[in-house]
Amino acid sequence: QSAHGLVRLGEVPIHQLDAITRRAASLQETADAAAPRLLACASTLSGMGLNVGDEAVVAQDSGDARLVVARDEGLADGVVRVAAAHPLTIGLGGQFATIAVKRA
C-alpha cells in the first residue's frame, strides 16, 4: 500500500495484446478474454467493505470502471489487480499507480 492509498497491479490480458488478438472473434470467446475483475486479498477487501461478488467502481486520473470483486490471496495487502488494455478499463491511468476503489 502506498502512502496515498491502494496500488494497482495492471497486467495486459493475453487476448488484448495487439490488434490481431483483439479482433479475433474466436479468441474473444475464450475464458482468457473474460471481463476484468477487481482482485484483492481478503484483508484489503475487508478494509474497503467489499465482498466477493460485489460490484466496485475503480477510478484513476479522469477514468473509472465498474468491476465485479474477486479474491486473490496471492496479492499483498493494499494492492488491487485490475487488468489494463481492456475496453472496460482502457480509460484508467497507470498500470502500477495509486487507484481509488468504492462500492458501486
N, C-alpha and C. Protein backbone atom coordinates (compact mmCIF):
# COMPACT_ATOMS: atom_id res chain seq x y z
N GLN A 1 0.85 -1.18 0.00
CA GLN A 1 0.00 0.00 0.00
C GLN A 1 0.89 1.24 0.00
N SER A 2 0.51 2.18 -0.83
CA SER A 2 1.31 3.40 -0.89
C SER A 2 0.82 4.37 0.18
N ALA A 3 1.56 5.44 0.36
CA ALA A 3 1.17 6.47 1.32
C ALA A 3 -0.13 7.15 0.87
N HIS A 4 -0.50 6.99 -0.39
CA HIS A 4 -1.68 7.64 -0.94
C HIS A 4 -2.88 6.70 -1.06
N GLY A 5 -2.76 5.45 -0.65
CA GLY A 5 -3.89 4.53 -0.74
C GLY A 5 -3.52 3.23 -1.42
N LEU A 6 -4.47 2.71 -2.14
CA LEU A 6 -4.30 1.43 -2.82
C LEU A 6 -3.40 1.57 -4.04
N VAL A 7 -2.73 0.49 -4.37
CA VAL A 7 -1.87 0.46 -5.55
C VAL A 7 -2.43 -0.54 -6.55
N ARG A 8 -2.49 -0.14 -7.79
CA ARG A 8 -2.98 -1.00 -8.87
C ARG A 8 -1.86 -1.85 -9.43
N LEU A 9 -2.15 -3.11 -9.65
CA LEU A 9 -1.30 -4.02 -10.40
C LEU A 9 -2.09 -4.33 -11.66
N GLY A 10 -1.66 -3.81 -12.79
CA GLY A 10 -2.45 -3.91 -14.02
C GLY A 10 -1.75 -4.66 -15.13
N GLU A 11 -2.04 -5.94 -15.24
CA GLU A 11 -1.46 -6.72 -16.32
C GLU A 11 -2.27 -6.52 -17.59
N VAL A 12 -1.69 -6.85 -18.75
CA VAL A 12 -2.41 -6.80 -20.01
C VAL A 12 -2.85 -8.23 -20.33
N PRO A 13 -4.16 -8.48 -20.42
CA PRO A 13 -4.64 -9.83 -20.72
C PRO A 13 -4.11 -10.32 -22.07
N ILE A 14 -3.88 -11.62 -22.16
CA ILE A 14 -3.25 -12.21 -23.33
C ILE A 14 -3.97 -11.89 -24.63
N HIS A 15 -5.29 -11.83 -24.61
CA HIS A 15 -6.03 -11.57 -25.85
C HIS A 15 -6.35 -10.10 -26.06
N GLN A 16 -5.61 -9.23 -25.37
CA GLN A 16 -5.71 -7.78 -25.59
C GLN A 16 -4.36 -7.20 -26.01
N LEU A 17 -3.39 -8.07 -26.29
CA LEU A 17 -2.02 -7.63 -26.56
C LEU A 17 -1.85 -6.80 -27.82
N ASP A 18 -2.54 -7.17 -28.87
CA ASP A 18 -2.34 -6.48 -30.14
C ASP A 18 -3.62 -6.49 -30.95
N ALA A 19 -3.61 -5.80 -32.08
CA ALA A 19 -4.81 -5.66 -32.90
C ALA A 19 -5.31 -7.00 -33.43
N ILE A 20 -4.43 -7.90 -33.72
CA ILE A 20 -4.84 -9.20 -34.25
C ILE A 20 -5.62 -9.99 -33.20
N THR A 21 -5.09 -10.09 -31.98
CA THR A 21 -5.80 -10.86 -30.95
C THR A 21 -7.06 -10.15 -30.49
N ARG A 22 -7.06 -8.82 -30.45
CA ARG A 22 -8.27 -8.09 -30.05
C ARG A 22 -9.40 -8.25 -31.04
N ARG A 23 -9.07 -8.47 -32.31
CA ARG A 23 -10.10 -8.57 -33.35
C ARG A 23 -10.45 -10.02 -33.72
N ALA A 24 -9.79 -10.99 -33.13
CA ALA A 24 -10.07 -12.40 -33.43
C ALA A 24 -11.28 -12.85 -32.62
N ALA A 25 -12.41 -12.98 -33.27
CA ALA A 25 -13.65 -13.35 -32.58
C ALA A 25 -13.49 -14.66 -31.81
N SER A 26 -12.78 -15.62 -32.38
CA SER A 26 -12.61 -16.91 -31.70
C SER A 26 -11.83 -16.75 -30.39
N LEU A 27 -10.84 -15.87 -30.35
CA LEU A 27 -10.08 -15.65 -29.13
C LEU A 27 -10.90 -14.87 -28.10
N GLN A 28 -11.72 -13.94 -28.56
CA GLN A 28 -12.52 -13.13 -27.64
C GLN A 28 -13.65 -13.94 -26.98
N GLU A 29 -13.90 -15.14 -27.47
CA GLU A 29 -14.90 -16.02 -26.88
C GLU A 29 -14.32 -16.98 -25.84
N THR A 30 -13.03 -16.93 -25.59
CA THR A 30 -12.39 -17.84 -24.64
C THR A 30 -12.44 -17.28 -23.21
N ALA A 31 -12.16 -18.15 -22.25
CA ALA A 31 -12.12 -17.74 -20.83
C ALA A 31 -11.04 -16.67 -20.59
N ASP A 32 -9.97 -16.72 -21.36
CA ASP A 32 -8.89 -15.73 -21.21
C ASP A 32 -9.34 -14.32 -21.59
N ALA A 33 -10.44 -14.21 -22.31
CA ALA A 33 -10.92 -12.90 -22.74
C ALA A 33 -12.09 -12.41 -21.87
N ALA A 34 -12.32 -13.06 -20.77
CA ALA A 34 -13.41 -12.67 -19.87
C ALA A 34 -13.22 -11.24 -19.37
N ALA A 35 -14.32 -10.63 -18.98
CA ALA A 35 -14.26 -9.26 -18.46
C ALA A 35 -13.34 -9.19 -17.25
N PRO A 36 -12.56 -8.12 -17.13
CA PRO A 36 -11.67 -7.98 -15.98
C PRO A 36 -12.47 -7.84 -14.69
N ARG A 37 -11.85 -8.24 -13.59
CA ARG A 37 -12.44 -8.11 -12.26
C ARG A 37 -11.48 -7.33 -11.39
N LEU A 38 -11.97 -6.85 -10.27
CA LEU A 38 -11.11 -6.25 -9.26
C LEU A 38 -10.71 -7.38 -8.33
N LEU A 39 -9.43 -7.67 -8.26
CA LEU A 39 -8.91 -8.73 -7.40
C LEU A 39 -8.11 -8.14 -6.25
N ALA A 40 -8.30 -8.68 -5.06
CA ALA A 40 -7.57 -8.22 -3.88
C ALA A 40 -7.61 -9.33 -2.84
N CYS A 41 -6.69 -9.28 -1.87
CA CYS A 41 -6.69 -10.26 -0.79
C CYS A 41 -7.82 -9.94 0.19
N ALA A 42 -8.15 -10.89 1.04
CA ALA A 42 -9.27 -10.74 1.97
C ALA A 42 -9.12 -9.52 2.87
N SER A 43 -7.92 -9.25 3.36
CA SER A 43 -7.76 -8.11 4.27
C SER A 43 -7.97 -6.78 3.54
N THR A 44 -7.55 -6.68 2.29
CA THR A 44 -7.78 -5.47 1.52
C THR A 44 -9.27 -5.30 1.24
N LEU A 45 -9.93 -6.39 0.84
CA LEU A 45 -11.37 -6.32 0.59
C LEU A 45 -12.12 -5.91 1.84
N SER A 46 -11.75 -6.50 2.97
CA SER A 46 -12.40 -6.18 4.23
C SER A 46 -12.23 -4.70 4.56
N GLY A 47 -11.03 -4.18 4.35
CA GLY A 47 -10.75 -2.78 4.64
C GLY A 47 -11.55 -1.82 3.77
N MET A 48 -11.96 -2.29 2.60
CA MET A 48 -12.76 -1.47 1.70
C MET A 48 -14.25 -1.72 1.88
N GLY A 49 -14.59 -2.69 2.73
CA GLY A 49 -16.00 -3.03 2.93
C GLY A 49 -16.61 -3.76 1.76
N LEU A 50 -15.78 -4.50 1.02
CA LEU A 50 -16.24 -5.24 -0.14
C LEU A 50 -16.20 -6.74 0.09
N ASN A 51 -17.10 -7.45 -0.57
CA ASN A 51 -17.14 -8.90 -0.53
C ASN A 51 -17.04 -9.44 -1.95
N VAL A 52 -16.63 -10.71 -2.06
CA VAL A 52 -16.57 -11.36 -3.36
C VAL A 52 -17.97 -11.32 -3.98
N GLY A 53 -18.02 -10.93 -5.25
CA GLY A 53 -19.28 -10.84 -5.97
C GLY A 53 -19.88 -9.44 -5.99
N ASP A 54 -19.43 -8.57 -5.08
CA ASP A 54 -19.90 -7.18 -5.09
C ASP A 54 -19.43 -6.50 -6.37
N GLU A 55 -20.04 -5.37 -6.68
CA GLU A 55 -19.54 -4.53 -7.76
C GLU A 55 -18.86 -3.33 -7.14
N ALA A 56 -17.74 -2.94 -7.73
CA ALA A 56 -16.98 -1.80 -7.24
C ALA A 56 -16.67 -0.87 -8.40
N VAL A 57 -16.50 0.39 -8.07
CA VAL A 57 -16.06 1.37 -9.06
C VAL A 57 -14.61 1.70 -8.75
N VAL A 58 -13.74 1.52 -9.73
CA VAL A 58 -12.33 1.89 -9.58
C VAL A 58 -12.11 3.15 -10.39
N ALA A 59 -11.27 4.03 -9.86
CA ALA A 59 -11.03 5.31 -10.55
C ALA A 59 -9.55 5.67 -10.50
N GLN A 60 -9.07 6.15 -11.62
CA GLN A 60 -7.71 6.67 -11.76
C GLN A 60 -7.77 7.83 -12.73
N ASP A 61 -7.00 8.86 -12.45
CA ASP A 61 -6.98 10.04 -13.32
C ASP A 61 -8.43 10.47 -13.57
N SER A 62 -8.84 10.60 -14.81
CA SER A 62 -10.21 11.03 -15.08
C SER A 62 -11.10 9.86 -15.52
N GLY A 63 -10.59 8.62 -15.43
CA GLY A 63 -11.35 7.46 -15.86
C GLY A 63 -11.84 6.62 -14.70
N ASP A 64 -12.89 5.84 -14.97
CA ASP A 64 -13.37 4.89 -13.98
C ASP A 64 -13.93 3.66 -14.68
N ALA A 65 -14.10 2.60 -13.91
CA ALA A 65 -14.64 1.35 -14.43
C ALA A 65 -15.41 0.66 -13.32
N ARG A 66 -16.46 -0.03 -13.70
CA ARG A 66 -17.28 -0.79 -12.76
C ARG A 66 -16.93 -2.27 -12.95
N LEU A 67 -16.44 -2.90 -11.88
CA LEU A 67 -15.95 -4.28 -11.96
C LEU A 67 -16.51 -5.14 -10.84
N VAL A 68 -16.62 -6.43 -11.11
CA VAL A 68 -17.02 -7.39 -10.09
C VAL A 68 -15.80 -7.71 -9.23
N VAL A 69 -16.03 -7.87 -7.93
CA VAL A 69 -14.96 -8.12 -6.96
C VAL A 69 -14.70 -9.62 -6.83
N ALA A 70 -13.42 -9.99 -6.80
CA ALA A 70 -13.00 -11.37 -6.57
C ALA A 70 -11.80 -11.35 -5.63
N ARG A 71 -11.52 -12.48 -5.02
CA ARG A 71 -10.40 -12.56 -4.06
C ARG A 71 -9.21 -13.25 -4.69
N ASP A 72 -8.03 -12.75 -4.35
CA ASP A 72 -6.75 -13.33 -4.78
C ASP A 72 -5.78 -13.20 -3.62
N GLU A 73 -5.57 -14.28 -2.90
CA GLU A 73 -4.70 -14.25 -1.73
C GLU A 73 -3.22 -14.16 -2.10
N GLY A 74 -2.90 -14.18 -3.37
CA GLY A 74 -1.52 -14.01 -3.81
C GLY A 74 -1.09 -12.54 -3.88
N LEU A 75 -2.04 -11.64 -3.66
CA LEU A 75 -1.73 -10.21 -3.70
C LEU A 75 -1.42 -9.69 -2.30
N ALA A 76 -0.51 -8.75 -2.23
CA ALA A 76 -0.16 -8.11 -0.96
C ALA A 76 -1.30 -7.22 -0.50
N ASP A 77 -1.37 -6.99 0.80
CA ASP A 77 -2.37 -6.09 1.36
C ASP A 77 -2.16 -4.69 0.76
N GLY A 78 -3.24 -4.07 0.33
CA GLY A 78 -3.16 -2.73 -0.25
C GLY A 78 -2.95 -2.71 -1.75
N VAL A 79 -2.90 -3.90 -2.38
CA VAL A 79 -2.72 -3.99 -3.83
C VAL A 79 -4.00 -4.55 -4.43
N VAL A 80 -4.49 -3.92 -5.49
CA VAL A 80 -5.62 -4.43 -6.24
C VAL A 80 -5.19 -4.71 -7.67
N ARG A 81 -5.63 -5.83 -8.18
CA ARG A 81 -5.28 -6.22 -9.55
C ARG A 81 -6.45 -5.86 -10.45
N VAL A 82 -6.18 -4.98 -11.40
CA VAL A 82 -7.17 -4.53 -12.38
C VAL A 82 -6.50 -4.55 -13.74
N ALA A 83 -6.98 -5.41 -14.62
CA ALA A 83 -6.37 -5.56 -15.93
C ALA A 83 -6.35 -4.25 -16.70
N ALA A 84 -5.35 -4.09 -17.53
CA ALA A 84 -5.21 -2.93 -18.41
C ALA A 84 -5.56 -3.36 -19.84
N ALA A 85 -5.64 -2.39 -20.74
CA ALA A 85 -5.80 -2.63 -22.18
C ALA A 85 -7.07 -3.39 -22.54
N HIS A 86 -8.06 -3.34 -21.68
CA HIS A 86 -9.35 -3.97 -21.96
C HIS A 86 -10.36 -2.84 -22.18
N PRO A 87 -11.34 -3.03 -23.05
CA PRO A 87 -12.31 -1.95 -23.29
C PRO A 87 -12.96 -1.41 -22.00
N LEU A 88 -13.15 -2.25 -21.00
CA LEU A 88 -13.75 -1.79 -19.75
C LEU A 88 -12.81 -0.95 -18.89
N THR A 89 -11.51 -1.12 -19.05
CA THR A 89 -10.54 -0.44 -18.18
C THR A 89 -9.62 0.51 -18.93
N ILE A 90 -9.83 0.69 -20.20
CA ILE A 90 -8.91 1.47 -21.03
C ILE A 90 -8.80 2.93 -20.57
N GLY A 91 -9.83 3.46 -19.93
CA GLY A 91 -9.80 4.85 -19.50
C GLY A 91 -9.07 5.10 -18.20
N LEU A 92 -8.62 4.03 -17.54
CA LEU A 92 -7.91 4.19 -16.27
C LEU A 92 -6.49 4.66 -16.50
N GLY A 93 -5.82 5.08 -15.43
CA GLY A 93 -4.45 5.59 -15.50
C GLY A 93 -3.40 4.49 -15.52
N GLY A 94 -2.28 4.74 -14.84
CA GLY A 94 -1.12 3.86 -14.86
C GLY A 94 -1.37 2.46 -14.32
N GLN A 95 -0.69 1.51 -14.93
CA GLN A 95 -0.82 0.11 -14.53
C GLN A 95 -0.25 -0.17 -13.14
N PHE A 96 0.65 0.65 -12.68
CA PHE A 96 1.30 0.43 -11.38
C PHE A 96 1.28 1.75 -10.61
N ALA A 97 0.09 2.22 -10.33
CA ALA A 97 -0.09 3.53 -9.69
C ALA A 97 -1.22 3.45 -8.67
N THR A 98 -1.39 4.53 -7.94
CA THR A 98 -2.47 4.55 -6.95
C THR A 98 -3.82 4.51 -7.67
N ILE A 99 -4.80 3.95 -6.97
CA ILE A 99 -6.14 3.78 -7.53
C ILE A 99 -7.16 3.94 -6.40
N ALA A 100 -8.29 4.50 -6.73
CA ALA A 100 -9.38 4.64 -5.76
C ALA A 100 -10.43 3.57 -6.03
N VAL A 101 -10.97 3.01 -4.97
CA VAL A 101 -11.99 1.95 -5.09
C VAL A 101 -13.13 2.28 -4.12
N LYS A 102 -14.37 2.13 -4.63
CA LYS A 102 -15.53 2.28 -3.76
C LYS A 102 -16.62 1.31 -4.22
N ARG A 103 -17.51 1.00 -3.30
CA ARG A 103 -18.64 0.13 -3.62
C ARG A 103 -19.50 0.82 -4.66
N ALA A 104 -19.97 0.03 -5.65
CA ALA A 104 -20.81 0.58 -6.71
C ALA A 104 -22.22 0.88 -6.20
